[in-house]
């Protein structure tokens, strides 16, 4: 699994002009699921996102987690994170999970965040979405469950 996480002061996602998910302060998570991913990857990545200390403390240092600051998490599926752009000019998606597996693991990731006590909002799986955010910092991280933890 790959996640681009952005620290936001607010974020929302719309489908066909309707807001389907919105948060105030917290993380916007763009989540890509790979063909080789499993439920354990979703669990580890959710734990990492909830506990990553990248919110500022009173001294201005990144020392607090989204849980520490009472933040929420907006999760949006994004299979293009699994693209391979190394060869040619057109991205390849052979590493992306088939839709049924991707949706199952996306839902598992969301469920794990909820189990860890964070308010969680979502986009709509396989829908054309419009994502709006105010990136706080800006602070953005790329997490890959196969490489970092």
N, C-alpha and C. Protein backbone atom coordinates (compact mmCIF):
# COMPACT_ATOMS: atom_id res chain seq x y z
N UNK A 1 0.84 -1.17 0.00
CA UNK A 1 0.00 0.00 0.00
C UNK A 1 0.89 1.23 0.00
N UNK A 2 0.41 2.22 -0.69
CA UNK A 2 1.09 3.51 -0.71
C UNK A 2 0.10 4.57 -0.28
N UNK A 3 0.59 5.50 0.51
CA UNK A 3 -0.25 6.60 0.95
C UNK A 3 0.52 7.90 0.84
N UNK A 4 -0.12 8.89 0.25
CA UNK A 4 0.35 10.26 0.33
C UNK A 4 -0.50 10.88 1.43
N UNK A 5 0.16 11.35 2.48
CA UNK A 5 -0.59 11.97 3.56
C UNK A 5 -0.20 13.44 3.64
N UNK A 6 -1.21 14.27 3.75
CA UNK A 6 -1.00 15.71 3.80
C UNK A 6 -1.65 16.25 5.06
N UNK A 7 -0.87 17.01 5.82
CA UNK A 7 -1.42 17.65 7.01
C UNK A 7 -2.29 18.81 6.54
N UNK A 8 -3.54 18.82 6.98
CA UNK A 8 -4.48 19.81 6.49
C UNK A 8 -5.15 20.55 7.64
N UNK A 9 -5.56 21.77 7.35
CA UNK A 9 -6.42 22.49 8.30
C UNK A 9 -7.88 22.18 7.99
N UNK A 10 -8.15 21.78 6.72
CA UNK A 10 -9.46 21.27 6.33
C UNK A 10 -9.33 20.59 4.97
N UNK A 11 -10.21 19.64 4.72
CA UNK A 11 -10.23 18.93 3.45
C UNK A 11 -11.61 18.35 3.22
N UNK A 12 -11.96 18.20 1.96
CA UNK A 12 -13.25 17.61 1.62
C UNK A 12 -13.14 16.91 0.27
N UNK A 13 -14.11 16.04 0.00
CA UNK A 13 -14.18 15.34 -1.27
C UNK A 13 -15.62 15.36 -1.74
N UNK A 14 -15.79 15.66 -3.03
CA UNK A 14 -17.11 15.72 -3.64
C UNK A 14 -17.23 14.68 -4.74
N UNK A 15 -18.44 14.15 -4.88
CA UNK A 15 -18.79 13.27 -5.98
C UNK A 15 -20.05 13.85 -6.61
N UNK A 16 -19.97 14.16 -7.89
CA UNK A 16 -21.08 14.75 -8.63
C UNK A 16 -21.67 15.96 -7.90
N UNK A 17 -20.77 16.82 -7.39
CA UNK A 17 -21.18 18.05 -6.74
C UNK A 17 -21.64 17.93 -5.31
N UNK A 18 -21.69 16.72 -4.78
CA UNK A 18 -22.12 16.48 -3.40
C UNK A 18 -20.91 16.17 -2.53
N UNK A 19 -20.78 16.86 -1.39
CA UNK A 19 -19.71 16.56 -0.45
C UNK A 19 -20.04 15.22 0.21
N UNK A 20 -19.13 14.26 0.03
CA UNK A 20 -19.34 12.93 0.62
C UNK A 20 -18.45 12.69 1.83
N UNK A 21 -17.42 13.53 2.01
CA UNK A 21 -16.53 13.41 3.16
C UNK A 21 -15.84 14.73 3.41
N UNK A 22 -15.71 15.11 4.67
CA UNK A 22 -15.04 16.36 5.01
C UNK A 22 -14.48 16.27 6.42
N UNK A 23 -13.35 16.94 6.64
CA UNK A 23 -12.75 17.02 7.97
C UNK A 23 -12.21 18.44 8.19
N UNK A 24 -11.93 18.74 9.44
CA UNK A 24 -11.19 19.94 9.81
C UNK A 24 -9.72 19.55 9.88
N UNK A 25 -9.06 19.89 10.97
CA UNK A 25 -7.64 19.60 11.14
C UNK A 25 -7.37 18.11 11.14
N UNK A 26 -6.32 17.71 10.44
CA UNK A 26 -5.95 16.30 10.43
C UNK A 26 -5.12 15.92 9.23
N UNK A 27 -5.34 14.68 8.77
CA UNK A 27 -4.64 14.13 7.61
C UNK A 27 -5.61 13.91 6.46
N UNK A 28 -5.20 14.31 5.27
CA UNK A 28 -5.82 13.83 4.04
C UNK A 28 -4.95 12.69 3.58
N UNK A 29 -5.52 11.51 3.40
CA UNK A 29 -4.76 10.32 2.97
C UNK A 29 -5.25 9.91 1.59
N UNK A 30 -4.35 9.96 0.61
CA UNK A 30 -4.60 9.40 -0.71
C UNK A 30 -4.01 8.00 -0.68
N UNK A 31 -4.83 6.98 -0.88
CA UNK A 31 -4.43 5.59 -0.64
C UNK A 31 -4.45 4.77 -1.92
N UNK A 32 -3.32 4.16 -2.22
CA UNK A 32 -3.22 3.23 -3.34
C UNK A 32 -2.97 1.83 -2.82
N UNK A 33 -3.64 0.85 -3.41
CA UNK A 33 -3.52 -0.54 -2.97
C UNK A 33 -2.87 -1.35 -4.08
N UNK A 34 -1.85 -2.12 -3.70
CA UNK A 34 -1.12 -2.93 -4.66
C UNK A 34 -1.60 -4.37 -4.71
N UNK A 35 -1.27 -5.02 -5.79
CA UNK A 35 -1.64 -6.41 -6.04
C UNK A 35 -1.15 -7.35 -4.94
N UNK A 36 -0.02 -7.05 -4.33
CA UNK A 36 0.58 -7.92 -3.31
C UNK A 36 0.17 -7.54 -1.88
N UNK A 37 -0.66 -6.54 -1.71
CA UNK A 37 -1.03 -6.07 -0.38
C UNK A 37 -2.00 -7.02 0.31
N UNK A 38 -1.97 -6.95 1.66
CA UNK A 38 -2.80 -7.83 2.49
C UNK A 38 -3.36 -7.04 3.67
N UNK A 39 -4.30 -7.62 4.41
CA UNK A 39 -4.87 -6.92 5.56
C UNK A 39 -3.83 -6.42 6.57
N UNK A 40 -2.75 -7.18 6.76
CA UNK A 40 -1.70 -6.73 7.68
C UNK A 40 -1.08 -5.41 7.23
N UNK A 41 -0.96 -5.21 5.91
CA UNK A 41 -0.43 -3.94 5.39
C UNK A 41 -1.36 -2.79 5.76
N UNK A 42 -2.67 -3.02 5.64
CA UNK A 42 -3.65 -2.00 5.99
C UNK A 42 -3.55 -1.65 7.47
N UNK A 43 -3.39 -2.65 8.30
CA UNK A 43 -3.30 -2.43 9.75
C UNK A 43 -2.04 -1.64 10.11
N UNK A 44 -0.89 -2.05 9.56
CA UNK A 44 0.36 -1.35 9.86
C UNK A 44 0.34 0.08 9.36
N UNK A 45 -0.20 0.29 8.16
CA UNK A 45 -0.24 1.63 7.60
C UNK A 45 -1.20 2.52 8.39
N UNK A 46 -2.33 2.00 8.79
CA UNK A 46 -3.28 2.78 9.60
C UNK A 46 -2.64 3.20 10.92
N UNK A 47 -1.94 2.27 11.56
CA UNK A 47 -1.26 2.58 12.82
C UNK A 47 -0.21 3.66 12.61
N UNK A 48 0.52 3.58 11.52
CA UNK A 48 1.54 4.57 11.21
C UNK A 48 0.92 5.95 11.00
N UNK A 49 -0.16 6.01 10.24
CA UNK A 49 -0.82 7.30 9.96
C UNK A 49 -1.35 7.92 11.24
N UNK A 50 -2.01 7.14 12.07
CA UNK A 50 -2.59 7.66 13.31
C UNK A 50 -1.52 8.13 14.29
N UNK A 51 -0.39 7.46 14.32
CA UNK A 51 0.63 7.76 15.34
C UNK A 51 1.83 8.56 14.85
N UNK A 52 1.88 8.88 13.57
CA UNK A 52 3.00 9.67 13.04
C UNK A 52 3.01 11.05 13.68
N UNK A 53 4.12 11.40 14.28
CA UNK A 53 4.22 12.67 15.00
C UNK A 53 4.70 13.77 14.04
N UNK A 54 3.74 14.42 13.40
CA UNK A 54 4.07 15.46 12.42
C UNK A 54 3.23 16.72 12.61
N UNK A 55 2.59 16.82 13.78
CA UNK A 55 1.87 18.04 14.14
C UNK A 55 2.70 18.77 15.19
N UNK A 56 2.70 20.08 15.11
CA UNK A 56 3.57 20.87 15.97
C UNK A 56 3.09 20.91 17.42
N UNK A 57 4.08 20.90 18.31
CA UNK A 57 3.80 21.10 19.73
C UNK A 57 3.94 22.59 20.03
N UNK A 58 3.86 22.95 21.31
CA UNK A 58 3.94 24.37 21.68
C UNK A 58 5.29 25.01 21.37
N UNK A 59 6.31 24.20 21.17
CA UNK A 59 7.64 24.71 20.81
C UNK A 59 7.82 24.80 19.30
N UNK A 60 6.79 24.43 18.54
CA UNK A 60 6.89 24.49 17.08
C UNK A 60 7.56 23.29 16.45
N UNK A 61 7.80 22.24 17.21
CA UNK A 61 8.44 21.02 16.69
C UNK A 61 7.38 19.99 16.33
N UNK A 62 7.65 19.24 15.28
CA UNK A 62 6.76 18.14 14.90
C UNK A 62 6.91 17.05 15.93
N UNK A 63 5.99 17.05 16.90
CA UNK A 63 6.12 16.14 18.02
C UNK A 63 4.78 15.54 18.45
N UNK A 64 3.70 15.85 17.72
CA UNK A 64 2.39 15.35 18.09
C UNK A 64 1.75 14.58 16.94
N UNK A 65 0.97 13.59 17.29
CA UNK A 65 0.25 12.80 16.30
C UNK A 65 -1.10 13.43 16.03
N UNK A 66 -1.79 12.93 15.03
CA UNK A 66 -3.15 13.40 14.74
C UNK A 66 -4.06 13.10 15.94
N UNK A 67 -3.81 12.02 16.63
CA UNK A 67 -4.59 11.70 17.83
C UNK A 67 -4.30 12.72 18.94
N UNK A 68 -3.03 13.08 19.10
CA UNK A 68 -2.65 14.05 20.14
C UNK A 68 -3.33 15.40 19.96
N UNK A 69 -3.58 15.79 18.72
CA UNK A 69 -4.17 17.11 18.46
C UNK A 69 -5.69 17.03 18.23
N UNK A 70 -6.27 15.84 18.42
CA UNK A 70 -7.71 15.67 18.25
C UNK A 70 -8.16 15.79 16.81
N UNK A 71 -7.27 15.45 15.87
CA UNK A 71 -7.57 15.58 14.45
C UNK A 71 -8.33 14.40 13.88
N UNK A 72 -8.78 14.59 12.65
CA UNK A 72 -9.53 13.56 11.92
C UNK A 72 -8.74 13.15 10.68
N UNK A 73 -9.23 12.14 9.99
CA UNK A 73 -8.55 11.62 8.80
C UNK A 73 -9.57 11.45 7.69
N UNK A 74 -9.25 12.00 6.52
CA UNK A 74 -10.06 11.82 5.31
C UNK A 74 -9.29 10.90 4.39
N UNK A 75 -9.88 9.76 4.04
CA UNK A 75 -9.22 8.76 3.20
C UNK A 75 -9.88 8.73 1.83
N UNK A 76 -9.05 8.89 0.79
CA UNK A 76 -9.54 8.89 -0.59
C UNK A 76 -8.74 7.84 -1.37
N UNK A 77 -9.45 6.91 -2.01
CA UNK A 77 -8.75 5.90 -2.80
C UNK A 77 -8.15 6.54 -4.05
N UNK A 78 -6.94 6.10 -4.39
CA UNK A 78 -6.27 6.65 -5.56
C UNK A 78 -5.33 5.59 -6.15
N UNK A 79 -5.88 4.80 -7.07
CA UNK A 79 -5.10 3.70 -7.64
C UNK A 79 -3.90 4.20 -8.43
N UNK A 80 -3.91 5.45 -8.88
CA UNK A 80 -2.78 5.97 -9.67
C UNK A 80 -1.49 6.05 -8.85
N UNK A 81 -1.58 5.95 -7.53
CA UNK A 81 -0.36 5.90 -6.72
C UNK A 81 0.45 4.64 -6.99
N UNK A 82 -0.18 3.64 -7.57
CA UNK A 82 0.51 2.39 -7.87
C UNK A 82 1.11 2.38 -9.27
N UNK A 83 1.02 3.50 -9.97
CA UNK A 83 1.51 3.58 -11.35
C UNK A 83 3.03 3.40 -11.43
N UNK A 84 3.46 2.79 -12.51
CA UNK A 84 4.87 2.67 -12.84
C UNK A 84 5.11 3.58 -14.04
N UNK A 85 5.88 4.63 -13.82
CA UNK A 85 6.13 5.63 -14.87
C UNK A 85 7.58 5.58 -15.36
N UNK A 86 8.28 4.50 -15.06
CA UNK A 86 9.71 4.43 -15.41
C UNK A 86 9.96 4.29 -16.90
N UNK A 87 9.11 3.59 -17.60
CA UNK A 87 9.35 3.34 -19.02
C UNK A 87 8.30 4.06 -19.86
N UNK A 88 8.73 4.62 -20.95
CA UNK A 88 7.81 5.24 -21.87
C UNK A 88 7.15 6.48 -21.30
N UNK A 89 6.03 6.84 -21.92
CA UNK A 89 5.34 8.07 -21.52
C UNK A 89 3.95 7.82 -20.96
N UNK A 90 3.57 6.57 -20.94
CA UNK A 90 2.25 6.23 -20.42
C UNK A 90 2.42 5.40 -19.15
N UNK A 91 1.73 5.76 -18.06
CA UNK A 91 1.87 4.99 -16.83
C UNK A 91 1.33 3.57 -16.99
N UNK A 92 1.98 2.64 -16.32
CA UNK A 92 1.51 1.26 -16.28
C UNK A 92 0.91 0.97 -14.91
N UNK A 93 -0.14 0.16 -14.89
CA UNK A 93 -0.84 -0.11 -13.64
C UNK A 93 -0.85 -1.59 -13.27
N UNK A 94 0.13 -2.33 -13.74
CA UNK A 94 0.19 -3.77 -13.47
C UNK A 94 0.33 -4.07 -11.98
N UNK A 95 0.91 -3.16 -11.20
CA UNK A 95 1.09 -3.38 -9.76
C UNK A 95 -0.14 -3.03 -8.94
N UNK A 96 -1.12 -2.36 -9.55
CA UNK A 96 -2.33 -2.00 -8.81
C UNK A 96 -3.19 -3.22 -8.55
N UNK A 97 -3.82 -3.26 -7.39
CA UNK A 97 -4.70 -4.38 -7.05
C UNK A 97 -5.96 -4.34 -7.91
N UNK A 98 -6.52 -5.50 -8.23
CA UNK A 98 -7.82 -5.51 -8.92
C UNK A 98 -8.86 -4.83 -8.02
N UNK A 99 -9.90 -4.26 -8.61
CA UNK A 99 -10.86 -3.47 -7.83
C UNK A 99 -11.44 -4.15 -6.60
N UNK A 100 -11.75 -5.43 -6.67
CA UNK A 100 -12.35 -6.11 -5.53
C UNK A 100 -11.39 -6.16 -4.34
N UNK A 101 -10.13 -6.51 -4.59
CA UNK A 101 -9.12 -6.55 -3.53
C UNK A 101 -8.85 -5.14 -3.02
N UNK A 102 -8.70 -4.19 -3.94
CA UNK A 102 -8.41 -2.81 -3.55
C UNK A 102 -9.50 -2.26 -2.64
N UNK A 103 -10.76 -2.49 -3.01
CA UNK A 103 -11.86 -1.97 -2.18
C UNK A 103 -11.87 -2.61 -0.81
N UNK A 104 -11.64 -3.90 -0.75
CA UNK A 104 -11.62 -4.61 0.53
C UNK A 104 -10.52 -4.06 1.44
N UNK A 105 -9.33 -3.85 0.89
CA UNK A 105 -8.22 -3.36 1.71
C UNK A 105 -8.36 -1.87 2.05
N UNK A 106 -8.95 -1.11 1.16
CA UNK A 106 -9.28 0.29 1.44
C UNK A 106 -10.24 0.35 2.63
N UNK A 107 -11.28 -0.47 2.61
CA UNK A 107 -12.24 -0.51 3.71
C UNK A 107 -11.59 -0.99 5.00
N UNK A 108 -10.66 -1.95 4.90
CA UNK A 108 -9.93 -2.43 6.08
C UNK A 108 -9.08 -1.30 6.67
N UNK A 109 -8.42 -0.53 5.84
CA UNK A 109 -7.61 0.60 6.29
C UNK A 109 -8.50 1.60 7.05
N UNK A 110 -9.64 1.95 6.47
CA UNK A 110 -10.58 2.89 7.10
C UNK A 110 -11.07 2.33 8.43
N UNK A 111 -11.41 1.06 8.45
CA UNK A 111 -11.90 0.40 9.67
C UNK A 111 -10.83 0.45 10.77
N UNK A 112 -9.59 0.22 10.40
CA UNK A 112 -8.49 0.23 11.38
C UNK A 112 -8.30 1.62 11.97
N UNK A 113 -8.42 2.66 11.15
CA UNK A 113 -8.32 4.02 11.67
C UNK A 113 -9.43 4.27 12.68
N UNK A 114 -10.63 3.86 12.34
CA UNK A 114 -11.76 4.01 13.25
C UNK A 114 -11.51 3.23 14.55
N UNK A 115 -10.98 2.02 14.43
CA UNK A 115 -10.68 1.21 15.62
C UNK A 115 -9.63 1.88 16.51
N UNK A 116 -8.75 2.67 15.90
CA UNK A 116 -7.72 3.38 16.66
C UNK A 116 -8.25 4.69 17.26
N UNK A 117 -9.54 4.93 17.10
CA UNK A 117 -10.18 6.04 17.78
C UNK A 117 -10.17 7.38 17.08
N UNK A 118 -9.82 7.39 15.80
CA UNK A 118 -9.81 8.65 15.07
C UNK A 118 -11.06 8.80 14.24
N UNK A 119 -11.67 9.99 14.26
CA UNK A 119 -12.78 10.22 13.33
C UNK A 119 -12.26 10.07 11.90
N UNK A 120 -13.01 9.37 11.08
CA UNK A 120 -12.55 9.12 9.71
C UNK A 120 -13.70 9.37 8.75
N UNK A 121 -13.37 10.08 7.68
CA UNK A 121 -14.31 10.32 6.58
C UNK A 121 -13.68 9.74 5.32
N UNK A 122 -14.51 9.49 4.32
CA UNK A 122 -14.00 8.87 3.10
C UNK A 122 -14.57 9.52 1.86
N UNK A 123 -13.89 9.22 0.76
CA UNK A 123 -14.44 9.50 -0.55
C UNK A 123 -15.34 8.33 -0.92
N UNK A 124 -15.55 8.15 -2.20
CA UNK A 124 -16.37 7.04 -2.68
C UNK A 124 -15.51 6.20 -3.61
N UNK A 125 -15.33 4.95 -3.27
CA UNK A 125 -14.45 4.06 -4.02
C UNK A 125 -14.89 3.97 -5.48
N UNK A 126 -13.94 4.08 -6.41
CA UNK A 126 -14.12 3.99 -7.86
C UNK A 126 -14.95 5.12 -8.46
N UNK A 127 -15.18 6.18 -7.71
CA UNK A 127 -15.94 7.32 -8.23
C UNK A 127 -14.96 8.39 -8.73
N UNK A 128 -15.44 9.22 -9.63
CA UNK A 128 -14.71 10.41 -10.04
C UNK A 128 -14.91 11.43 -8.92
N UNK A 129 -13.82 11.85 -8.29
CA UNK A 129 -13.92 12.71 -7.11
C UNK A 129 -13.19 14.02 -7.31
N UNK A 130 -13.67 15.05 -6.64
CA UNK A 130 -13.00 16.35 -6.59
C UNK A 130 -12.57 16.56 -5.14
N UNK A 131 -11.26 16.64 -4.93
CA UNK A 131 -10.71 16.76 -3.58
C UNK A 131 -10.25 18.20 -3.38
N UNK A 132 -10.67 18.79 -2.27
CA UNK A 132 -10.24 20.14 -1.89
C UNK A 132 -9.52 20.05 -0.56
N UNK A 133 -8.46 20.84 -0.41
CA UNK A 133 -7.73 20.82 0.85
C UNK A 133 -6.98 22.12 1.06
N UNK A 134 -6.72 22.40 2.31
CA UNK A 134 -5.79 23.45 2.68
C UNK A 134 -4.66 22.73 3.38
N UNK A 135 -3.51 22.62 2.68
CA UNK A 135 -2.36 21.92 3.21
C UNK A 135 -1.71 22.80 4.25
N UNK A 136 -1.55 22.28 5.44
CA UNK A 136 -1.00 23.00 6.58
C UNK A 136 0.50 22.79 6.63
N UNK A 137 1.26 23.80 6.32
CA UNK A 137 2.72 23.72 6.38
C UNK A 137 3.41 24.31 5.17
N UNK A 138 3.37 23.70 4.03
CA UNK A 138 2.80 22.40 3.71
C UNK A 138 3.62 21.24 4.29
N UNK A 139 2.90 20.23 4.72
CA UNK A 139 3.52 19.02 5.24
C UNK A 139 2.91 17.85 4.48
N UNK A 140 3.75 17.10 3.76
CA UNK A 140 3.31 15.97 2.94
C UNK A 140 4.32 14.85 3.07
N UNK A 141 3.83 13.63 3.25
CA UNK A 141 4.70 12.46 3.35
C UNK A 141 4.20 11.36 2.40
N UNK A 142 5.13 10.56 1.91
CA UNK A 142 4.82 9.37 1.13
C UNK A 142 5.17 8.16 1.99
N UNK A 143 4.18 7.33 2.25
CA UNK A 143 4.40 6.10 3.03
C UNK A 143 4.15 4.90 2.13
N UNK A 144 5.02 3.93 2.21
CA UNK A 144 4.89 2.70 1.42
C UNK A 144 5.05 1.54 2.38
N UNK A 145 4.01 0.75 2.56
CA UNK A 145 4.02 -0.33 3.55
C UNK A 145 5.09 -1.37 3.26
N UNK A 146 5.54 -1.47 2.01
CA UNK A 146 6.56 -2.47 1.67
C UNK A 146 7.97 -1.97 1.90
N UNK A 147 8.14 -0.68 2.12
CA UNK A 147 9.50 -0.16 2.21
C UNK A 147 9.84 0.48 3.54
N UNK A 148 8.86 0.96 4.28
CA UNK A 148 9.20 1.81 5.43
C UNK A 148 8.93 1.20 6.78
N UNK A 149 8.12 0.18 6.89
CA UNK A 149 7.82 -0.33 8.22
C UNK A 149 7.33 -1.74 8.18
